[in-house]
Amino acid sequence: MASASSTSARSLFVESKMRLADRVQVNVNNIASLARQIQRGSKSSEILMHSAKNFAQQEHSLDTAEASLKKIALITTHLEYQMDSIQRGSVILEEVTEQVRAMQR
């Protein structure tokens, strides 16, 4: 009987050892899966941070472009005033030229 109980004890030991090895393998696989997920998560965080940085740079560029457009609009207005002044001056110059010719006759 001693041999039967030792055989069954060995069988239980081998079975326990195999279950333990299976559990260790499952845990190793789970840890590897977790490590992959963490790595993916960190890359997505890096991508998100990079995108936010680019967005901030674009916002600055848009602000600069807006300021430049306002300056161009102001310059355009001033050029229009100068063009009107030149046109009035040319009309007056034509009138003065006609008056000078009339006096010369």
PDB file of N, CA and C in Angstrom:
ATOM      1  N   MET A   1       0.793  -1.171   0.000  1.00  0.00           N
ATOM      2  CA  MET A   1       0.000   0.000   0.000  1.00  0.00           C
ATOM      3  C   MET A   1       0.851   1.256   0.000  1.00  0.00           C
ATOM      4  N   ALA A   2       1.996   1.125   0.605  1.00  0.00           N
ATOM      5  CA  ALA A   2       2.864   2.284   0.669  1.00  0.00           C
ATOM      6  C   ALA A   2       3.266   2.716  -0.719  1.00  0.00           C
ATOM      7  N   SER A   3       3.458   1.752  -1.593  1.00  0.00           N
ATOM      8  CA  SER A   3       3.857   2.105  -2.943  1.00  0.00           C
ATOM      9  C   SER A   3       2.716   2.754  -3.700  1.00  0.00           C
ATOM     10  N   ALA A   4       1.467   2.338  -3.426  1.00  0.00           N
ATOM     11  CA  ALA A   4       0.314   2.946  -4.100  1.00  0.00           C
ATOM     12  C   ALA A   4       0.160   4.378  -3.661  1.00  0.00           C
ATOM     13  N   SER A   5       0.358   4.634  -2.398  1.00  0.00           N
ATOM     14  CA  SER A   5       0.196   6.005  -1.931  1.00  0.00           C
ATOM     15  C   SER A   5       1.359   6.863  -2.392  1.00  0.00           C
ATOM     16  N   SER A   6       2.558   6.297  -2.479  1.00  0.00           N
ATOM     17  CA  SER A   6       3.682   7.077  -2.986  1.00  0.00           C
ATOM     18  C   SER A   6       3.524   7.334  -4.469  1.00  0.00           C
ATOM     19  N   THR A   7       2.937   6.407  -5.205  1.00  0.00           N
ATOM     20  CA  THR A   7       2.690   6.614  -6.627  1.00  0.00           C
ATOM     21  C   THR A   7       1.661   7.717  -6.811  1.00  0.00           C
ATOM     22  N   SER A   8       0.612   7.684  -5.999  1.00  0.00           N
ATOM     23  CA  SER A   8      -0.407   8.731  -6.131  1.00  0.00           C
ATOM     24  C   SER A   8       0.147  10.075  -5.676  1.00  0.00           C
ATOM     25  N   ALA A   9       1.036  10.085  -4.679  1.00  0.00           N
ATOM     26  CA  ALA A   9       1.660  11.336  -4.239  1.00  0.00           C
ATOM     27  C   ALA A   9       2.549  11.899  -5.337  1.00  0.00           C
ATOM     28  N   ARG A  10       3.287  11.007  -5.997  1.00  0.00           N
ATOM     29  CA  ARG A  10       4.136  11.457  -7.109  1.00  0.00           C
ATOM     30  C   ARG A  10       3.280  12.005  -8.243  1.00  0.00           C
ATOM     31  N   SER A  11       2.193  11.317  -8.489  1.00  0.00           N
ATOM     32  CA  SER A  11       1.284  11.763  -9.551  1.00  0.00           C
ATOM     33  C   SER A  11       0.729  13.146  -9.221  1.00  0.00           C
ATOM     34  N   LEU A  12       0.325  13.367  -7.978  1.00  0.00           N
ATOM     35  CA  LEU A  12      -0.173  14.678  -7.553  1.00  0.00           C
ATOM     36  C   LEU A  12       0.924  15.729  -7.656  1.00  0.00           C
ATOM     37  N   PHE A  13       2.140  15.343  -7.264  1.00  0.00           N
ATOM     38  CA  PHE A  13       3.264  16.274  -7.338  1.00  0.00           C
ATOM     39  C   PHE A  13       3.540  16.683  -8.778  1.00  0.00           C
ATOM     40  N   VAL A  14       3.553  15.712  -9.681  1.00  0.00           N
ATOM     41  CA  VAL A  14       3.804  15.996 -11.099  1.00  0.00           C
ATOM     42  C   VAL A  14       2.686  16.866 -11.654  1.00  0.00           C
ATOM     43  N   GLU A  15       1.452  16.527 -11.283  1.00  0.00           N
ATOM     44  CA  GLU A  15       0.300  17.316 -11.762  1.00  0.00           C
ATOM     45  C   GLU A  15       0.371  18.753 -11.234  1.00  0.00           C
ATOM     46  N   SER A  16       0.697  18.903  -9.958  1.00  0.00           N
ATOM     47  CA  SER A  16       0.828  20.237  -9.366  1.00  0.00           C
ATOM     48  C   SER A  16       1.953  21.019 -10.030  1.00  0.00           C
ATOM     49  N   LYS A  17       3.032  20.310 -10.296  1.00  0.00           N
ATOM     50  CA  LYS A  17       4.174  20.947 -10.950  1.00  0.00           C
ATOM     51  C   LYS A  17       3.791  21.431 -12.348  1.00  0.00           C
ATOM     52  N   MET A  18       3.017  20.640 -13.088  1.00  0.00           N
ATOM     53  CA  MET A  18       2.590  21.016 -14.432  1.00  0.00           C
ATOM     54  C   MET A  18       1.617  22.201 -14.385  1.00  0.00           C
ATOM     55  N   ARG A  19       0.677  22.179 -13.410  1.00  0.00           N
ATOM     56  CA  ARG A  19      -0.253  23.300 -13.268  1.00  0.00           C
ATOM     57  C   ARG A  19       0.482  24.585 -12.903  1.00  0.00           C
ATOM     58  N   LEU A  20       1.470  24.451 -12.040  1.00  0.00           N
ATOM     59  CA  LEU A  20       2.280  25.609 -11.666  1.00  0.00           C
ATOM     60  C   LEU A  20       3.025  26.160 -12.880  1.00  0.00           C
ATOM     61  N   ALA A  21       3.602  25.258 -13.689  1.00  0.00           N
ATOM     62  CA  ALA A  21       4.313  25.684 -14.903  1.00  0.00           C
ATOM     63  C   ALA A  21       3.348  26.374 -15.876  1.00  0.00           C
ATOM     64  N   ASP A  22       2.131  25.840 -15.998  1.00  0.00           N
ATOM     65  CA  ASP A  22       1.124  26.472 -16.869  1.00  0.00           C
ATOM     66  C   ASP A  22       0.760  27.868 -16.360  1.00  0.00           C
ATOM     67  N   ARG A  23       0.575  27.981 -15.047  1.00  0.00           N
ATOM     68  CA  ARG A  23       0.234  29.288 -14.470  1.00  0.00           C
ATOM     69  C   ARG A  23       1.372  30.300 -14.664  1.00  0.00           C
ATOM     70  N   VAL A  24       2.589  29.835 -14.493  1.00  0.00           N
ATOM     71  CA  VAL A  24       3.749  30.704 -14.708  1.00  0.00           C
ATOM     72  C   VAL A  24       3.772  31.169 -16.161  1.00  0.00           C
ATOM     73  N   GLN A  25       3.508  30.253 -17.091  1.00  0.00           N
ATOM     74  CA  GLN A  25       3.496  30.596 -18.511  1.00  0.00           C
ATOM     75  C   GLN A  25       2.395  31.621 -18.800  1.00  0.00           C
ATOM     76  N   VAL A  26       1.199  31.429 -18.235  1.00  0.00           N
ATOM     77  CA  VAL A  26       0.094  32.385 -18.421  1.00  0.00           C
ATOM     78  C   VAL A  26       0.487  33.755 -17.860  1.00  0.00           C
ATOM     79  N   ASN A  27       1.106  33.771 -16.687  1.00  0.00           N
ATOM     80  CA  ASN A  27       1.521  35.049 -16.081  1.00  0.00           C
ATOM     81  C   ASN A  27       2.584  35.746 -16.925  1.00  0.00           C
ATOM     82  N   VAL A  28       3.524  34.989 -17.456  1.00  0.00           N
ATOM     83  CA  VAL A  28       4.554  35.575 -18.322  1.00  0.00           C
ATOM     84  C   VAL A  28       3.910  36.177 -19.571  1.00  0.00           C
ATOM     85  N   ASN A  29       2.953  35.443 -20.164  1.00  0.00           N
ATOM     86  CA  ASN A  29       2.248  35.964 -21.340  1.00  0.00           C
ATOM     87  C   ASN A  29       1.463  37.236 -21.004  1.00  0.00           C
ATOM     88  N   ASN A  30       0.812  37.231 -19.831  1.00  0.00           N
ATOM     89  CA  ASN A  30       0.055  38.416 -19.413  1.00  0.00           C
ATOM     90  C   ASN A  30       0.982  39.612 -19.188  1.00  0.00           C
ATOM     91  N   ILE A  31       2.128  39.378 -18.601  1.00  0.00           N
ATOM     92  CA  ILE A  31       3.100  40.459 -18.379  1.00  0.00           C
ATOM     93  C   ILE A  31       3.608  41.001 -19.712  1.00  0.00           C
ATOM     94  N   ALA A  32       3.863  40.098 -20.654  1.00  0.00           N
ATOM     95  CA  ALA A  32       4.316  40.541 -21.981  1.00  0.00           C
ATOM     96  C   ALA A  32       3.234  41.377 -22.661  1.00  0.00           C
ATOM     97  N   SER A  33       1.991  40.945 -22.543  1.00  0.00           N
ATOM     98  CA  SER A  33       0.867  41.693 -23.124  1.00  0.00           C
ATOM     99  C   SER A  33       0.754  43.068 -22.467  1.00  0.00           C
ATOM    100  N   LEU A  34       0.883  43.108 -21.156  1.00  0.00           N
ATOM    101  CA  LEU A  34       0.823  44.378 -20.437  1.00  0.00           C
ATOM    102  C   LEU A  34       1.964  45.305 -20.870  1.00  0.00           C
ATOM    103  N   ALA A  35       3.148  44.748 -21.034  1.00  0.00           N
ATOM    104  CA  ALA A  35       4.297  45.560 -21.471  1.00  0.00           C
ATOM    105  C   ALA A  35       4.048  46.142 -22.862  1.00  0.00           C
ATOM    106  N   ARG A  36       3.457  45.339 -23.762  1.00  0.00           N
ATOM    107  CA  ARG A  36       3.146  45.851 -25.110  1.00  0.00           C
ATOM    108  C   ARG A  36       2.121  46.975 -25.041  1.00  0.00           C
ATOM    109  N   GLN A  37       1.112  46.804 -24.209  1.00  0.00           N
ATOM    110  CA  GLN A  37       0.083  47.843 -24.073  1.00  0.00           C
ATOM    111  C   GLN A  37       0.670  49.132 -23.502  1.00  0.00           C
ATOM    112  N   ILE A  38       1.545  48.993 -22.524  1.00  0.00           N
ATOM    113  CA  ILE A  38       2.189  50.181 -21.939  1.00  0.00           C
ATOM    114  C   ILE A  38       3.039  50.881 -22.986  1.00  0.00           C
ATOM    115  N   GLN A  39       3.762  50.078 -23.771  1.00  0.00           N
ATOM    116  CA  GLN A  39       4.607  50.672 -24.811  1.00  0.00           C
ATOM    117  C   GLN A  39       3.751  51.395 -25.843  1.00  0.00           C
ATOM    118  N   ARG A  40       2.650  50.784 -26.269  1.00  0.00           N
ATOM    119  CA  ARG A  40       1.747  51.453 -27.211  1.00  0.00           C
ATOM    120  C   ARG A  40       1.183  52.724 -26.603  1.00  0.00           C
ATOM    121  N   GLY A  41       0.810  52.637 -25.336  1.00  0.00           N
ATOM    122  CA  GLY A  41       0.265  53.805 -24.651  1.00  0.00           C
ATOM    123  C   GLY A  41       1.270  54.931 -24.577  1.00  0.00           C
ATOM    124  N   SER A  42       2.514  54.612 -24.327  1.00  0.00           N
ATOM    125  CA  SER A  42       3.526  55.665 -24.230  1.00  0.00           C
ATOM    126  C   SER A  42       3.774  56.287 -25.592  1.00  0.00           C
ATOM    127  N   LYS A  43       3.728  55.479 -26.654  1.00  0.00           N
ATOM    128  CA  LYS A  43       3.914  56.040 -27.992  1.00  0.00           C
ATOM    129  C   LYS A  43       2.753  56.940 -28.362  1.00  0.00           C
ATOM    130  N   SER A  44       1.537  56.549 -27.998  1.00  0.00           N
ATOM    131  CA  SER A  44       0.394  57.401 -28.319  1.00  0.00           C
ATOM    132  C   SER A  44       0.493  58.704 -27.528  1.00  0.00           C
ATOM    133  N   SER A  45       1.022  58.628 -26.329  1.00  0.00           N
ATOM    134  CA  SER A  45       1.213  59.845 -25.539  1.00  0.00           C
ATOM    135  C   SER A  45       2.244  60.749 -26.206  1.00  0.00           C
ATOM    136  N   GLU A  46       3.322  60.147 -26.707  1.00  0.00           N
ATOM    137  CA  GLU A  46       4.340  60.932 -27.412  1.00  0.00           C
ATOM    138  C   GLU A  46       3.759  61.573 -28.663  1.00  0.00           C
ATOM    139  N   ILE A  47       2.964  60.804 -29.396  1.00  0.00           N
ATOM    140  CA  ILE A  47       2.340  61.337 -30.610  1.00  0.00           C
ATOM    141  C   ILE A  47       1.400  62.477 -30.261  1.00  0.00           C
ATOM    142  N   LEU A  48       0.619  62.303 -29.205  1.00  0.00           N
ATOM    143  CA  LEU A  48      -0.302  63.350 -28.775  1.00  0.00           C
ATOM    144  C   LEU A  48       0.457  64.599 -28.354  1.00  0.00           C
ATOM    145  N   MET A  49       1.561  64.434 -27.637  1.00  0.00           N
ATOM    146  CA  MET A  49       2.358  65.572 -27.206  1.00  0.00           C
ATOM    147  C   MET A  49       2.968  66.273 -28.420  1.00  0.00           C
ATOM    148  N   HIS A  50       3.443  65.506 -29.384  1.00  0.00           N
ATOM    149  CA  HIS A  50       4.014  66.072 -30.608  1.00  0.00           C
ATOM    150  C   HIS A  50       2.942  66.844 -31.383  1.00  0.00           C
ATOM    151  N   SER A  51       1.748  66.285 -31.449  1.00  0.00           N
ATOM    152  CA  SER A  51       0.645  66.956 -32.144  1.00  0.00           C
ATOM    153  C   SER A  51       0.278  68.259 -31.453  1.00  0.00           C
ATOM    154  N   ALA A  52       0.232  68.248 -30.141  1.00  0.00           N
ATOM    155  CA  ALA A  52      -0.091  69.464 -29.395  1.00  0.00           C
ATOM    156  C   ALA A  52       0.975  70.536 -29.627  1.00  0.00           C
ATOM    157  N   LYS A  53       2.237  70.124 -29.663  1.00  0.00           N
ATOM    158  CA  LYS A  53       3.332  71.071 -29.912  1.00  0.00           C
ATOM    159  C   LYS A  53       3.199  71.678 -31.302  1.00  0.00           C
ATOM    160  N   ASN A  54       2.911  70.834 -32.305  1.00  0.00           N
ATOM    161  CA  ASN A  54       2.722  71.342 -33.668  1.00  0.00           C
ATOM    162  C   ASN A  54       1.529  72.281 -33.746  1.00  0.00           C
ATOM    163  N   PHE A  55       0.458  71.944 -33.025  1.00  0.00           N
ATOM    164  CA  PHE A  55      -0.722  72.793 -33.012  1.00  0.00           C
ATOM    165  C   PHE A  55      -0.384  74.165 -32.425  1.00  0.00           C
ATOM    166  N   ALA A  56       0.380  74.168 -31.341  1.00  0.00           N
ATOM    167  CA  ALA A  56       0.780  75.436 -30.722  1.00  0.00           C
ATOM    168  C   ALA A  56       1.638  76.256 -31.684  1.00  0.00           C
ATOM    169  N   GLN A  57       2.532  75.602 -32.413  1.00  0.00           N
ATOM    170  CA  GLN A  57       3.352  76.318 -33.391  1.00  0.00           C
ATOM    171  C   GLN A  57       2.490  76.885 -34.508  1.00  0.00           C
ATOM    172  N   GLN A  58       1.499  76.128 -34.951  1.00  0.00           N
ATOM    173  CA  GLN A  58       0.597  76.607 -35.998  1.00  0.00           C
ATOM    174  C   GLN A  58      -0.207  77.797 -35.496  1.00  0.00           C
ATOM    175  N   GLU A  59      -0.619  77.747 -34.232  1.00  0.00           N
ATOM    176  CA  GLU A  59      -1.380  78.856 -33.660  1.00  0.00           C
ATOM    177  C   GLU A  59      -0.532  80.129 -33.670  1.00  0.00           C
ATOM    178  N   HIS A  60       0.747  79.998 -33.307  1.00  0.00           N
ATOM    179  CA  HIS A  60       1.649  81.152 -33.332  1.00  0.00           C
ATOM    180  C   HIS A  60       1.796  81.675 -34.756  1.00  0.00           C
ATOM    181  N   SER A  61       1.939  80.762 -35.717  1.00  0.00           N
ATOM    182  CA  SER A  61       2.077  81.167 -37.122  1.00  0.00           C
ATOM    183  C   SER A  61       0.824  81.884 -37.604  1.00  0.00           C
ATOM    184  N   LEU A  62      -0.333  81.393 -37.190  1.00  0.00           N
ATOM    185  CA  LEU A  62      -1.591  82.044 -37.577  1.00  0.00           C
ATOM    186  C   LEU A  62      -1.689  83.442 -36.974  1.00  0.00           C
ATOM    187  N   ASP A  63      -1.267  83.587 -35.729  1.00  0.00           N
ATOM    188  CA  ASP A  63      -1.277  84.913 -35.093  1.00  0.00           C
ATOM    189  C   ASP A  63      -0.355  85.871 -35.848  1.00  0.00           C
ATOM    190  N   THR A  64       0.815  85.387 -36.217  1.00  0.00           N
ATOM    191  CA  THR A  64       1.764  86.213 -36.968  1.00  0.00           C
ATOM    192  C   THR A  64       1.191  86.595 -38.328  1.00  0.00           C
ATOM    193  N   ALA A  65       0.562  85.630 -38.997  1.00  0.00           N
ATOM    194  CA  ALA A  65      -0.040  85.897 -40.307  1.00  0.00           C
ATOM    195  C   ALA A  65      -1.175  86.910 -40.181  1.00  0.00           C
ATOM    196  N   GLU A  66      -1.966  86.796 -39.128  1.00  0.00           N
ATOM    197  CA  GLU A  66      -3.061  87.741 -38.908  1.00  0.00           C
ATOM    198  C   GLU A  66      -2.518  89.160 -38.693  1.00  0.00           C
ATOM    199  N   ALA A  67      -1.468  89.270 -37.901  1.00  0.00           N
ATOM    200  CA  ALA A  67      -0.866  90.581 -37.664  1.00  0.00           C
ATOM    201  C   ALA A  67      -0.319  91.158 -38.974  1.00  0.00           C
ATOM    202  N   SER A  68       0.297  90.306 -39.784  1.00  0.00           N
ATOM    203  CA  SER A  68       0.827  90.765 -41.080  1.00  0.00           C
ATOM    204  C   SER A  68      -0.298  91.238 -41.992  1.00  0.00           C
ATOM    205  N   LEU A  69      -1.409  90.514 -42.006  1.00  0.00           N
ATOM    206  CA  LEU A  69      -2.550  90.917 -42.837  1.00  0.00           C
ATOM    207  C   LEU A  69      -3.123  92.251 -42.390  1.00  0.00           C
ATOM    208  N   LYS A  70      -3.165  92.483 -41.086  1.00  0.00           N
ATOM    209  CA  LYS A  70      -3.649  93.773 -40.581  1.00  0.00           C
ATOM    210  C   LYS A  70      -2.726  94.903 -41.028  1.00  0.00           C
ATOM    211  N   LYS A  71      -1.413  94.656 -40.977  1.00  0.00           N
ATOM    212  CA  LYS A  71      -0.452  95.673 -41.427  1.00  0.00           C
ATOM    213  C   LYS A  71      -0.620  95.940 -42.921  1.00  0.00           C
ATOM    214  N   ILE A  72      -0.819  94.873 -43.698  1.00  0.00           N
ATOM    215  CA  ILE A  72      -1.009  95.037 -45.144  1.00  0.00           C
ATOM    216  C   ILE A  72      -2.282  95.826 -45.422  1.00  0.00           C
ATOM    217  N   ALA A  73      -3.346  95.561 -44.668  1.00  0.00           N
ATOM    218  CA  ALA A  73      -4.599  96.296 -44.848  1.00  0.00           C
ATOM    219  C   ALA A  73      -4.390  97.781 -44.538  1.00  0.00           C
ATOM    220  N   LEU A  74      -3.625  98.075 -43.507  1.00  0.00           N
ATOM    221  CA  LEU A  74      -3.338  99.464 -43.150  1.00  0.00           C
ATOM    222  C   LEU A  74      -2.516 100.139 -44.241  1.00  0.00           C
ATOM    223  N   ILE A  75      -1.518  99.450 -44.754  1.00  0.00           N
ATOM    224  CA  ILE A  75      -0.690  99.995 -45.840  1.00  0.00           C
ATOM    225  C   ILE A  75      -1.544 100.243 -47.078  1.00  0.00           C
ATOM    226  N   THR A  76      -2.452  99.310 -47.375  1.00  0.00           N
ATOM    227  CA  THR A  76      -3.347  99.468 -48.529  1.00  0.00           C
ATOM    228  C   THR A  76      -4.210 100.714 -48.380  1.00  0.00           C
ATOM    229  N   THR A  77      -4.725 100.938 -47.194  1.00  0.00           N
ATOM    230  CA  THR A  77      -5.542 102.128 -46.940  1.00  0.00           C
ATOM    231  C   THR A  77      -4.720 103.393 -47.166  1.00  0.00           C
ATOM    232  N   HIS A  78      -3.506 103.413 -46.644  1.00  0.00           N
ATOM    233  CA  HIS A  78      -2.640 104.583 -46.829  1.00  0.00           C
ATOM    234  C   HIS A  78      -2.311 104.803 -48.307  1.00  0.00           C
ATOM    235  N   LEU A  79      -2.054 103.719 -49.030  1.00  0.00           N
ATOM    236  CA  LEU A  79      -1.779 103.853 -50.466  1.00  0.00           C
ATOM    237  C   LEU A  79      -3.002 104.391 -51.218  1.00  0.00           C
ATOM    238  N   GLU A  80      -4.195 103.968 -50.804  1.00  0.00           N
ATOM    239  CA  GLU A  80      -5.413 104.495 -51.439  1.00  0.00           C
ATOM    240  C   GLU A  80      -5.543 105.997 -51.186  1.00  0.00           C
ATOM    241  N   TYR A  81      -5.245 106.439 -49.958  1.00  0.00           N
ATOM    242  CA  TYR A  81      -5.282 107.880 -49.661  1.00  0.00           C
ATOM    243  C   TYR A  81      -4.275 108.633 -50.533  1.00  0.00           C
ATOM    244  N   GLN A  82      -3.079 108.081 -50.655  1.00  0.00           N
ATOM    245  CA  GLN A  82      -2.059 108.737 -51.466  1.00  0.00           C
ATOM    246  C   GLN A  82      -2.466 108.773 -52.936  1.00  0.00           C
ATOM    247  N   MET A  83      -3.087 107.699 -53.420  1.00  0.00           N
ATOM    248  CA  MET A  83      -3.529 107.663 -54.814  1.00  0.00           C
ATOM    249  C   MET A  83      -4.627 108.707 -55.054  1.00  0.00           C
ATOM    250  N   ASP A  84      -5.555 108.832 -54.124  1.00  0.00           N
ATOM    251  CA  ASP A  84      -6.594 109.865 -54.247  1.00  0.00           C
ATOM    252  C   ASP A  84      -5.971 111.254 -54.274  1.00  0.00           C
ATOM    253  N   SER A  85      -4.982 111.467 -53.400  1.00  0.00           N
ATOM    254  CA  SER A  85      -4.312 112.769 -53.349  1.00  0.00           C
ATOM    255  C   SER A  85      -3.591 113.059 -54.667  1.00  0.00           C
ATOM    256  N   ILE A  86      -2.931 112.047 -55.212  1.00  0.00           N
ATOM    257  CA  ILE A  86      -2.225 112.221 -56.495  1.00  0.00           C
ATOM    258  C   ILE A  86      -3.221 112.522 -57.608  1.00  0.00           C
ATOM    259  N   GLN A  87      -4.355 111.827 -57.612  1.00  0.00           N
ATOM    260  CA  GLN A  87      -5.369 112.070 -58.642  1.00  0.00           C
ATOM    261  C   GLN A  87      -5.916 113.496 -58.528  1.00  0.00           C
ATOM    262  N   ARG A  88      -6.202 113.944 -57.305  1.00  0.00           N
ATOM    263  CA  ARG A  88      -6.681 115.341 -57.126  1.00  0.00           C
ATOM    264  C   ARG A  88      -5.614 116.323 -57.587  1.00  0.00           C
ATOM    265  N   GLY A  89      -4.364 116.013 -57.251  1.00  0.00           N
ATOM    266  CA  GLY A  89      -3.267 116.895 -57.672  1.00  0.00           C
ATOM    267  C   GLY A  89      -3.136 116.945 -59.185  1.00  0.00           C
ATOM    268  N   SER A  90      -3.329 115.815 -59.858  1.00  0.00           N
ATOM    269  CA  SER A  90      -3.210 115.821 -61.324  1.00  0.00           C
ATOM    270  C   SER A  90      -4.355 116.599 -61.968  1.00  0.00           C
ATOM    271  N   VAL A  91      -5.556 116.524 -61.380  1.00  0.00           N
ATOM    272  CA  VAL A  91      -6.686 117.314 -61.909  1.00  0.00           C
ATOM    273  C   VAL A  91      -6.392 118.805 -61.737  1.00  0.00           C
ATOM    274  N   ILE A  92      -5.904 119.161 -60.552  1.00  0.00           N
ATOM    275  CA  ILE A  92      -5.575 120.574 -60.301  1.00  0.00           C
ATOM    276  C   ILE A  92      -4.457 121.019 -61.226  1.00  0.00           C
ATOM    277  N   LEU A  93      -3.463 120.168 -61.457  1.00  0.00           N
ATOM    278  CA  LEU A  93      -2.354 120.495 -62.338  1.00  0.00           C
ATOM    279  C   LEU A  93      -2.848 120.742 -63.767  1.00  0.00           C
ATOM    280  N   GLU A  94      -3.794 119.938 -64.233  1.00  0.00           N
ATOM    281  CA  GLU A  94      -4.363 120.152 -65.565  1.00  0.00           C
ATOM    282  C   GLU A  94      -5.087 121.499 -65.642  1.00  0.00           C
ATOM    283  N   GLU A  95      -5.826 121.827 -64.584  1.00  0.00           N
ATOM    284  CA  GLU A  95      -6.539 123.116 -64.570  1.00  0.00           C
ATOM    285  C   GLU A  95      -5.548 124.279 -64.583  1.00  0.00           C
ATOM    286  N   VAL A  96      -4.493 124.161 -63.776  1.00  0.00           N
ATOM    287  CA  VAL A  96      -3.486 125.226 -63.724  1.00  0.00           C
ATOM    288  C   VAL A  96      -2.790 125.344 -65.074  1.00  0.00           C
ATOM    289  N   THR A  97      -2.493 124.209 -65.707  1.00  0.00           N
ATOM    290  CA  THR A  97      -1.853 124.234 -67.025  1.00  0.00           C
ATOM    291  C   THR A  97      -2.743 124.949 -68.030  1.00  0.00           C
ATOM    292  N   GLU A  98      -4.047 124.685 -68.008  1.00  0.00           N
ATOM    293  CA  GLU A  98      -4.981 125.358 -68.927  1.00  0.00           C
ATOM    294  C   GLU A  98      -5.018 126.857 -68.650  1.00  0.00           C
ATOM    295  N   GLN A  99      -4.992 127.233 -67.364  1.00  0.00           N
ATOM    296  CA  GLN A  99      -5.023 128.667 -67.017  1.00  0.00           C
ATOM    297  C   GLN A  99      -3.747 129.362 -67.501  1.00  0.00           C
ATOM    298  N   VAL A 100      -2.595 128.685 -67.358  1.00  0.00           N
ATOM    299  CA  VAL A 100      -1.329 129.270 -67.811  1.00  0.00           C
ATOM    300  C   VAL A 100      -1.371 129.442 -69.326  1.00  0.00           C
ATOM    301  N   ARG A 101      -1.870 128.488 -70.067  1.00  0.00           N
ATOM    302  CA  ARG A 101      -1.965 128.598 -71.532  1.00  0.00           C
ATOM    303  C   ARG A 101      -2.919 129.729 -71.911  1.00  0.00           C
ATOM    304  N   ALA A 102      -3.997 129.854 -71.150  1.00  0.00           N
ATOM    305  CA  ALA A 102      -4.953 130.922 -71.466  1.00  0.00           C
ATOM    306  C   ALA A 102      -4.300 132.299 -71.225  1.00  0.00           C
ATOM    307  N   MET A 103      -3.450 132.429 -70.204  1.00  0.00           N
ATOM    308  CA  MET A 103      -2.787 133.687 -69.931  1.00  0.00           C
ATOM    309  C   MET A 103      -1.722 134.002 -70.979  1.00  0.00           C
ATOM    310  N   GLN A 104      -1.117 132.932 -71.533  1.00  0.00           N
ATOM    311  CA  GLN A 104      -0.065 133.137 -72.512  1.00  0.00           C
ATOM    312  C   GLN A 104      -0.641 133.602 -73.846  1.00  0.00           C
ATOM    313  N   ARG A 105      -1.877 133.414 -74.120  1.00  0.00           N
ATOM    314  CA  ARG A 105      -2.448 133.794 -75.419  1.00  0.00           C
ATOM    315  C   ARG A 105      -2.762 135.222 -75.495  1.00  0.00           C
TER     316      ARG A 105
END
